[in-house]
Amino acid sequence: MILESVSVKTQAFADLYAPHGQDVVARVLDLHRRHGGISRLVKIRTAHKDFLGIDLSDDALAHLANDYARRVVNHVIACPWVPGAQDFLERHRGKTALFVVSGTPEKELRYIVEQRGMTRYFNGVYGSPMLKDRIINDVMAENGLHKNRAVMIGDAMTDYDAARKTGLRFIGRVAPGDRNPFPKGTEVVADLSNVGI
């Protein structure tokens, strides 16, 4: 949501499943796109079971997840900002409590944030395996924040669902040319240039 990393992650899934043929790749990418923001562990386990008929062991799943991570981390660190994101963070730095809540594994997520020099913007950076609604509830309680004064900005249905479950206002980011995954009436923006919170 802060970095234009969607295409990097999509390509990594395509590369990971390429040895299984283009039909499998197409089905995996459809799964990936329909379930944006869900942990890669869930996606990989589901893809193997549903499309390859393979029940992965925990060790095999970890191996594939590590392979995926090797394909994406440096590319995500190098990818461009979502338009307006850096200015948004600069405007709100030190004035508004800002948190990252992501489906990316937390250790990897924090490494990416650190390598991009973004740590200074955030009060906390949280990722999987904990679910987003649980993270939000914990962050709100630990920081004495009230849901009526908080907003979640996200680009996936898991973000929308987490906001609904926790009672937060939600703003969806839909990049130009992308399909809007959110229900009719959802507040959406093309970038972070003019987001009011």
C-alpha atoms as a PDB file:
ATOM      1  CA  MET A   1       0.000   0.000   0.000  1.00  0.00           C
ATOM      2  CA  ILE A   2       2.978   2.298   0.577  1.00  0.00           C
ATOM      3  CA  LEU A   3       5.151   0.759  -2.131  1.00  0.00           C
ATOM      4  CA  GLU A   4       4.134  -0.367  -5.623  1.00  0.00           C
ATOM      5  CA  SER A   5       4.926  -3.991  -4.829  1.00  0.00           C
ATOM      6  CA  VAL A   6       1.845  -5.829  -6.134  1.00  0.00           C
ATOM      7  CA  SER A   7       3.380  -6.702  -9.517  1.00  0.00           C
ATOM      8  CA  VAL A   8       6.594  -7.907  -7.843  1.00  0.00           C
ATOM      9  CA  LYS A   9       4.651 -10.318  -5.628  1.00  0.00           C
ATOM     10  CA  THR A  10       2.497 -11.491  -8.520  1.00  0.00           C
ATOM     11  CA  GLN A  11       5.574 -12.254 -10.635  1.00  0.00           C
ATOM     12  CA  ALA A  12       7.147 -14.162  -7.750  1.00  0.00           C
ATOM     13  CA  PHE A  13       4.114 -16.462  -7.571  1.00  0.00           C
ATOM     14  CA  ALA A  14       4.238 -16.945 -11.342  1.00  0.00           C
ATOM     15  CA  ASP A  15       7.928 -17.879 -11.169  1.00  0.00           C
ATOM     16  CA  LEU A  16       7.410 -20.180  -8.180  1.00  0.00           C
ATOM     17  CA  TYR A  17       4.749 -22.212  -9.996  1.00  0.00           C
ATOM     18  CA  ALA A  18       6.189 -22.018 -13.534  1.00  0.00           C
ATOM     19  CA  PRO A  19       7.629 -25.575 -13.343  1.00  0.00           C
ATOM     20  CA  HIS A  20       4.043 -26.866 -13.015  1.00  0.00           C
ATOM     21  CA  GLY A  21       2.842 -25.364 -16.299  1.00  0.00           C
ATOM     22  CA  GLN A  22       0.920 -22.320 -17.432  1.00  0.00           C
ATOM     23  CA  ASP A  23      -2.503 -23.663 -16.455  1.00  0.00           C
ATOM     24  CA  VAL A  24      -1.375 -23.994 -12.837  1.00  0.00           C
ATOM     25  CA  VAL A  25       0.309 -20.590 -12.966  1.00  0.00           C
ATOM     26  CA  ALA A  26      -2.934 -18.988 -14.201  1.00  0.00           C
ATOM     27  CA  ARG A  27      -4.927 -20.606 -11.402  1.00  0.00           C
ATOM     28  CA  VAL A  28      -2.365 -19.606  -8.765  1.00  0.00           C
ATOM     29  CA  LEU A  29      -2.337 -15.998  -9.966  1.00  0.00           C
ATOM     30  CA  ASP A  30      -6.130 -15.902  -9.855  1.00  0.00           C
ATOM     31  CA  LEU A  31      -5.978 -17.197  -6.267  1.00  0.00           C
ATOM     32  CA  HIS A  32      -3.303 -14.641  -5.406  1.00  0.00           C
ATOM     33  CA  ARG A  33      -5.270 -11.720  -6.862  1.00  0.00           C
ATOM     34  CA  ARG A  34      -8.567 -12.735  -5.277  1.00  0.00           C
ATOM     35  CA  HIS A  35      -6.963 -13.068  -1.864  1.00  0.00           C
ATOM     36  CA  GLY A  36      -4.653 -10.067  -1.708  1.00  0.00           C
ATOM     37  CA  GLY A  37      -3.266  -9.400   1.745  1.00  0.00           C
ATOM     38  CA  ILE A  38      -3.497 -13.028   2.901  1.00  0.00           C
ATOM     39  CA  SER A  39      -0.318 -14.699   4.117  1.00  0.00           C
ATOM     40  CA  ARG A  40       1.759 -16.365   1.417  1.00  0.00           C
ATOM     41  CA  LEU A  41       1.813 -19.482   3.600  1.00  0.00           C
ATOM     42  CA  VAL A  42      -1.948 -19.824   3.229  1.00  0.00           C
ATOM     43  CA  LYS A  43      -1.795 -19.150  -0.521  1.00  0.00           C
ATOM     44  CA  ILE A  44       1.019 -21.645  -1.152  1.00  0.00           C
ATOM     45  CA  ARG A  45      -0.585 -24.375   0.955  1.00  0.00           C
ATOM     46  CA  THR A  46      -3.950 -23.811  -0.778  1.00  0.00           C
ATOM     47  CA  ALA A  47      -2.428 -23.702  -4.267  1.00  0.00           C
ATOM     48  CA  HIS A  48      -0.525 -26.939  -3.773  1.00  0.00           C
ATOM     49  CA  LYS A  49      -3.536 -28.753  -2.360  1.00  0.00           C
ATOM     50  CA  ASP A  50      -6.156 -27.433  -4.796  1.00  0.00           C
ATOM     51  CA  PHE A  51      -4.146 -27.272  -8.016  1.00  0.00           C
ATOM     52  CA  LEU A  52      -1.465 -29.941  -7.557  1.00  0.00           C
ATOM     53  CA  GLY A  53      -3.156 -32.340  -5.164  1.00  0.00           C
ATOM     54  CA  ILE A  54      -0.254 -32.041  -2.724  1.00  0.00           C
ATOM     55  CA  ASP A  55      -0.668 -31.673   1.043  1.00  0.00           C
ATOM     56  CA  LEU A  56       2.516 -29.858   1.976  1.00  0.00           C
ATOM     57  CA  SER A  57       4.396 -30.750   5.136  1.00  0.00           C
ATOM     58  CA  ASP A  58       5.370 -27.821   7.335  1.00  0.00           C
ATOM     59  CA  ASP A  59       8.998 -28.194   6.214  1.00  0.00           C
ATOM     60  CA  ALA A  60       8.058 -28.214   2.508  1.00  0.00           C
ATOM     61  CA  LEU A  61       5.826 -25.187   3.023  1.00  0.00           C
ATOM     62  CA  ALA A  62       8.625 -23.313   4.801  1.00  0.00           C
ATOM     63  CA  HIS A  63      11.031 -24.157   1.949  1.00  0.00           C
ATOM     64  CA  LEU A  64       8.619 -22.789  -0.684  1.00  0.00           C
ATOM     65  CA  ALA A  65       7.883 -19.687   1.395  1.00  0.00           C
ATOM     66  CA  ASN A  66      11.614 -19.016   1.717  1.00  0.00           C
ATOM     67  CA  ASP A  67      12.008 -19.453  -2.041  1.00  0.00           C
ATOM     68  CA  TYR A  68       9.216 -16.919  -2.574  1.00  0.00           C
ATOM     69  CA  ALA A  69      10.831 -14.490  -0.104  1.00  0.00           C
ATOM     70  CA  ARG A  70      14.167 -14.706  -1.933  1.00  0.00           C
ATOM     71  CA  ARG A  71      12.360 -13.720  -5.116  1.00  0.00           C
ATOM     72  CA  VAL A  72      10.632 -10.647  -3.667  1.00  0.00           C
ATOM     73  CA  VAL A  73      12.486  -8.961  -0.810  1.00  0.00           C
ATOM     74  CA  ASN A  74      15.143  -7.041  -2.755  1.00  0.00           C
ATOM     75  CA  HIS A  75      12.662  -6.138  -5.485  1.00  0.00           C
ATOM     76  CA  VAL A  76      10.200  -4.750  -2.924  1.00  0.00           C
ATOM     77  CA  ILE A  77      12.971  -2.739  -1.280  1.00  0.00           C
ATOM     78  CA  ALA A  78      13.799  -1.244  -4.693  1.00  0.00           C
ATOM     79  CA  CYS A  79      10.265  -0.637  -5.991  1.00  0.00           C
ATOM     80  CA  PRO A  80       8.794   2.878  -6.265  1.00  0.00           C
ATOM     81  CA  TRP A  81       6.547   4.597  -3.752  1.00  0.00           C
ATOM     82  CA  VAL A  82       2.798   4.635  -4.289  1.00  0.00           C
ATOM     83  CA  PRO A  83       2.240   8.201  -5.592  1.00  0.00           C
ATOM     84  CA  GLY A  84       1.801  10.559  -2.663  1.00  0.00           C
ATOM     85  CA  ALA A  85       2.818   7.978  -0.030  1.00  0.00           C
ATOM     86  CA  GLN A  86       6.118   9.521   1.004  1.00  0.00           C
ATOM     87  CA  ASP A  87       4.604  13.016   1.220  1.00  0.00           C
ATOM     88  CA  PHE A  88       1.703  11.577   3.239  1.00  0.00           C
ATOM     89  CA  LEU A  89       4.119   9.991   5.707  1.00  0.00           C
ATOM     90  CA  GLU A  90       6.190  13.168   5.977  1.00  0.00           C
ATOM     91  CA  ARG A  91       3.055  15.275   6.639  1.00  0.00           C
ATOM     92  CA  HIS A  92       1.842  12.984   9.402  1.00  0.00           C
ATOM     93  CA  ARG A  93       5.183  12.007  10.933  1.00  0.00           C
ATOM     94  CA  GLY A  94       5.184  12.838  14.646  1.00  0.00           C
ATOM     95  CA  LYS A  95       1.634  14.238  14.465  1.00  0.00           C
ATOM     96  CA  THR A  96      -0.405  11.101  13.847  1.00  0.00           C
ATOM     97  CA  ALA A  97       0.146   7.586  15.170  1.00  0.00           C
ATOM     98  CA  LEU A  98       0.947   5.495  12.079  1.00  0.00           C
ATOM     99  CA  PHE A  99       1.157   1.702  11.941  1.00  0.00           C
ATOM    100  CA  VAL A 100       1.830  -0.882   9.247  1.00  0.00           C
ATOM    101  CA  VAL A 101      -0.494  -3.911   9.329  1.00  0.00           C
ATOM    102  CA  SER A 102       0.362  -6.446   6.640  1.00  0.00           C
ATOM    103  CA  GLY A 103       0.046 -10.071   5.562  1.00  0.00           C
ATOM    104  CA  THR A 104       3.815 -10.138   4.913  1.00  0.00           C
ATOM    105  CA  PRO A 105       5.762 -12.132   7.532  1.00  0.00           C
ATOM    106  CA  GLU A 106       6.605  -9.696  10.306  1.00  0.00           C
ATOM    107  CA  LYS A 107      10.389 -10.239  10.378  1.00  0.00           C
ATOM    108  CA  GLU A 108      10.636  -9.745   6.607  1.00  0.00           C
ATOM    109  CA  LEU A 109       8.290  -6.749   6.729  1.00  0.00           C
ATOM    110  CA  ARG A 110      10.375  -5.002   9.374  1.00  0.00           C
ATOM    111  CA  TYR A 111      13.542  -5.673   7.368  1.00  0.00           C
ATOM    112  CA  ILE A 112      11.977  -4.087   4.271  1.00  0.00           C
ATOM    113  CA  VAL A 113      10.764  -1.057   6.243  1.00  0.00           C
ATOM    114  CA  GLU A 114      14.220  -0.642   7.784  1.00  0.00           C
ATOM    115  CA  GLN A 115      16.061  -1.026   4.471  1.00  0.00           C
ATOM    116  CA  ARG A 116      13.790   1.578   2.852  1.00  0.00           C
ATOM    117  CA  GLY A 117      14.520   4.019   5.688  1.00  0.00           C
ATOM    118  CA  MET A 118      10.854   4.135   6.667  1.00  0.00           C
ATOM    119  CA  THR A 119      11.136   3.103  10.325  1.00  0.00           C
ATOM    120  CA  ARG A 120      11.019   6.728  11.478  1.00  0.00           C
ATOM    121  CA  TYR A 121       7.495   7.140  10.132  1.00  0.00           C
ATOM    122  CA  PHE A 122       5.809   4.377  12.096  1.00  0.00           C
ATOM    123  CA  ASN A 123       4.838   3.740  15.687  1.00  0.00           C
ATOM    124  CA  GLY A 124       4.741   0.022  14.912  1.00  0.00           C
ATOM    125  CA  VAL A 125       5.162  -2.468  12.064  1.00  0.00           C
ATOM    126  CA  TYR A 126       3.160  -5.705  12.249  1.00  0.00           C
ATOM    127  CA  GLY A 127       2.768  -8.677   9.939  1.00  0.00           C
ATOM    128  CA  SER A 128       1.749 -12.312   9.771  1.00  0.00           C
ATOM    129  CA  PRO A 129       1.186 -14.824  11.177  1.00  0.00           C
ATOM    130  CA  MET A 130      -1.172 -12.753  13.329  1.00  0.00           C
ATOM    131  CA  LEU A 131      -4.374 -11.783  11.505  1.00  0.00           C
ATOM    132  CA  LYS A 132      -4.957  -8.130  10.691  1.00  0.00           C
ATOM    133  CA  ASP A 133      -8.064  -7.635  12.840  1.00  0.00           C
ATOM    134  CA  ARG A 134      -6.229  -9.072  15.858  1.00  0.00           C
ATOM    135  CA  ILE A 135      -3.263  -6.776  15.223  1.00  0.00           C
ATOM    136  CA  ILE A 136      -5.549  -3.753  14.963  1.00  0.00           C
ATOM    137  CA  ASN A 137      -7.384  -4.592  18.187  1.00  0.00           C
ATOM    138  CA  ASP A 138      -4.076  -5.074  20.013  1.00  0.00           C
ATOM    139  CA  VAL A 139      -2.577  -1.850  18.624  1.00  0.00           C
ATOM    140  CA  MET A 140      -5.684   0.159  19.523  1.00  0.00           C
ATOM    141  CA  ALA A 141      -5.738  -1.207  23.086  1.00  0.00           C
ATOM    142  CA  GLU A 142      -1.994  -0.857  23.691  1.00  0.00           C
ATOM    143  CA  ASN A 143      -1.894   2.731  22.432  1.00  0.00           C
ATOM    144  CA  GLY A 144      -5.173   3.984  23.913  1.00  0.00           C
ATOM    145  CA  LEU A 145      -6.598   4.707  20.470  1.00  0.00           C
ATOM    146  CA  HIS A 146     -10.315   4.957  19.727  1.00  0.00           C
ATOM    147  CA  LYS A 147     -11.876   3.457  16.608  1.00  0.00           C
ATOM    148  CA  ASN A 148     -13.817   6.662  15.887  1.00  0.00           C
ATOM    149  CA  ARG A 149     -10.518   8.491  15.440  1.00  0.00           C
ATOM    150  CA  ALA A 150      -8.722   5.843  13.376  1.00  0.00           C
ATOM    151  CA  VAL A 151      -8.679   4.914   9.714  1.00  0.00           C
ATOM    152  CA  MET A 152      -7.290   1.964   7.806  1.00  0.00           C
ATOM    153  CA  ILE A 153      -5.964   2.543   4.301  1.00  0.00           C
ATOM    154  CA  GLY A 154      -5.452  -0.623   2.287  1.00  0.00           C
ATOM    155  CA  ASP A 155      -5.448  -2.204  -1.142  1.00  0.00           C
ATOM    156  CA  ALA A 156      -6.845  -5.665  -0.379  1.00  0.00           C
ATOM    157  CA  MET A 157     -10.102  -7.174   0.805  1.00  0.00           C
ATOM    158  CA  THR A 158      -8.312  -8.436   3.918  1.00  0.00           C
ATOM    159  CA  ASP A 159      -7.725  -4.773   4.805  1.00  0.00           C
ATOM    160  CA  TYR A 160     -11.393  -3.962   4.200  1.00  0.00           C
ATOM    161  CA  ASP A 161     -12.527  -6.976   6.234  1.00  0.00           C
ATOM    162  CA  ALA A 162     -10.182  -6.131   9.118  1.00  0.00           C
ATOM    163  CA  ALA A 163     -11.474  -2.553   9.195  1.00  0.00           C
ATOM    164  CA  ARG A 164     -15.080  -3.764   9.249  1.00  0.00           C
ATOM    165  CA  LYS A 165     -14.387  -6.280  12.034  1.00  0.00           C
ATOM    166  CA  THR A 166     -12.696  -3.653  14.181  1.00  0.00           C
ATOM    167  CA  GLY A 167     -15.049  -0.759  13.422  1.00  0.00           C
ATOM    168  CA  LEU A 168     -12.515   1.446  11.644  1.00  0.00           C
ATOM    169  CA  ARG A 169     -13.195   3.794   8.769  1.00  0.00           C
ATOM    170  CA  PHE A 170     -11.720   2.287   5.612  1.00  0.00           C
ATOM    171  CA  ILE A 171     -10.178   3.916   2.535  1.00  0.00           C
ATOM    172  CA  GLY A 172      -9.353   1.565  -0.323  1.00  0.00           C
ATOM    173  CA  ARG A 173      -6.516   2.221  -2.717  1.00  0.00           C
ATOM    174  CA  VAL A 174      -7.245   1.116  -6.287  1.00  0.00           C
ATOM    175  CA  ALA A 175      -4.369   1.800  -8.675  1.00  0.00           C
ATOM    176  CA  PRO A 176      -5.301   3.307 -12.051  1.00  0.00           C
ATOM    177  CA  GLY A 177      -6.305   0.528 -14.438  1.00  0.00           C
ATOM    178  CA  ASP A 178      -6.855  -2.041 -11.674  1.00  0.00           C
ATOM    179  CA  ARG A 179     -10.193  -3.686 -10.921  1.00  0.00           C
ATOM    180  CA  ASN A 180     -11.878  -2.332  -7.783  1.00  0.00           C
ATOM    181  CA  PRO A 181     -12.189  -5.304  -5.389  1.00  0.00           C
ATOM    182  CA  PHE A 182     -14.191  -3.435  -2.776  1.00  0.00           C
ATOM    183  CA  PRO A 183     -17.963  -3.414  -2.251  1.00  0.00           C
ATOM    184  CA  LYS A 184     -20.007  -0.688  -3.921  1.00  0.00           C
ATOM    185  CA  GLY A 185     -19.943   2.520  -1.917  1.00  0.00           C
ATOM    186  CA  THR A 186     -16.473   1.961  -0.441  1.00  0.00           C
ATOM    187  CA  GLU A 187     -14.385   5.132  -0.250  1.00  0.00           C
ATOM    188  CA  VAL A 188     -11.516   4.667  -2.722  1.00  0.00           C
ATOM    189  CA  VAL A 189      -8.512   6.669  -3.914  1.00  0.00           C
ATOM    190  CA  ALA A 190      -6.082   6.172  -6.802  1.00  0.00           C
ATOM    191  CA  ASP A 191      -3.061   7.169  -4.705  1.00  0.00           C
ATOM    192  CA  LEU A 192      -2.199   8.896  -1.428  1.00  0.00           C
ATOM    193  CA  SER A 193      -1.807  12.418  -2.800  1.00  0.00           C
ATOM    194  CA  ASN A 194      -5.039  13.832  -1.421  1.00  0.00           C
ATOM    195  CA  VAL A 195      -6.046  11.455   1.350  1.00  0.00           C
ATOM    196  CA  GLY A 196      -7.716  13.191   4.264  1.00  0.00           C
ATOM    197  CA  ILE A 197      -7.544  11.538   7.654  1.00  0.00           C
END
